[in-house]
Amino acid sequence: MVSLISLWLPILLSAVAVFVVSSIIHMLLPYHRSDFKKIPSEEGVMDALRSFNIPAGDYVFPHAGSNQEMGSPEFKEKCAQGPTAFITVLPPGQTNMATSLILWFLFSVVVGVFTAYLAGLTLAPGTEYIVVSRVTGTAAFMGYGLALLQGSIWYKRSWGSTLKSVFDALLYGLFTGGMFGWLWPAA
């Protein structure tokens, strides 16, 4: 067993590596640029929604307040007429990228902590690089990627966008596994 405290360096360095890799992916590589489409008549849709002064939050429409209401002919008709949507409304103004980047880094540290916890329980000091890398890379991949599938399953997010993000998670797992394998304590 390896203590969590003794793994602080691979936790931090894997978070830094993931932060750098994700920055390269999203700033330099073009494959995420098609994740979101421009809505037709953007100005008209924005003007119409602005008039309702919708508070920031997650919404669905049409909305059923209960399973009984979901089965009603009226609700089914609303769905048939469309549009149906899941939307997230942000507060007005520019999104604060610094806050998002800090939260992303902290999330990467959290994934690193859970990865270290699992590896520390299951691997001994002196375990071979490849074994440490496989275990920690798999754990990190699960932390970064598998929950993304729910977005496509339940909220109909594009499978293409989701699978691109799962691929990113695979890269994050590989880099995390590499850091842990490299810095794993000797026997």
Foldseek 3Di string as FASTA:
>chain_A
DADLVLCLVLLLVLLVVLLVLVCCCVPPNDPLVVQDDQDPPNVVVVVVVVVVVDDFDKDWPPDDPDPVSCPDPVNVVRVVVDDIAIDGDDPPDDDDVVVVSVVSSVLSSVLSSVLSVVCRVPDDAAPALVVQLVSSLVSQLCSQADVLVVCCVPRVRDPSNNVVSSVSSSVSSNSSSNSCSVSGHHD
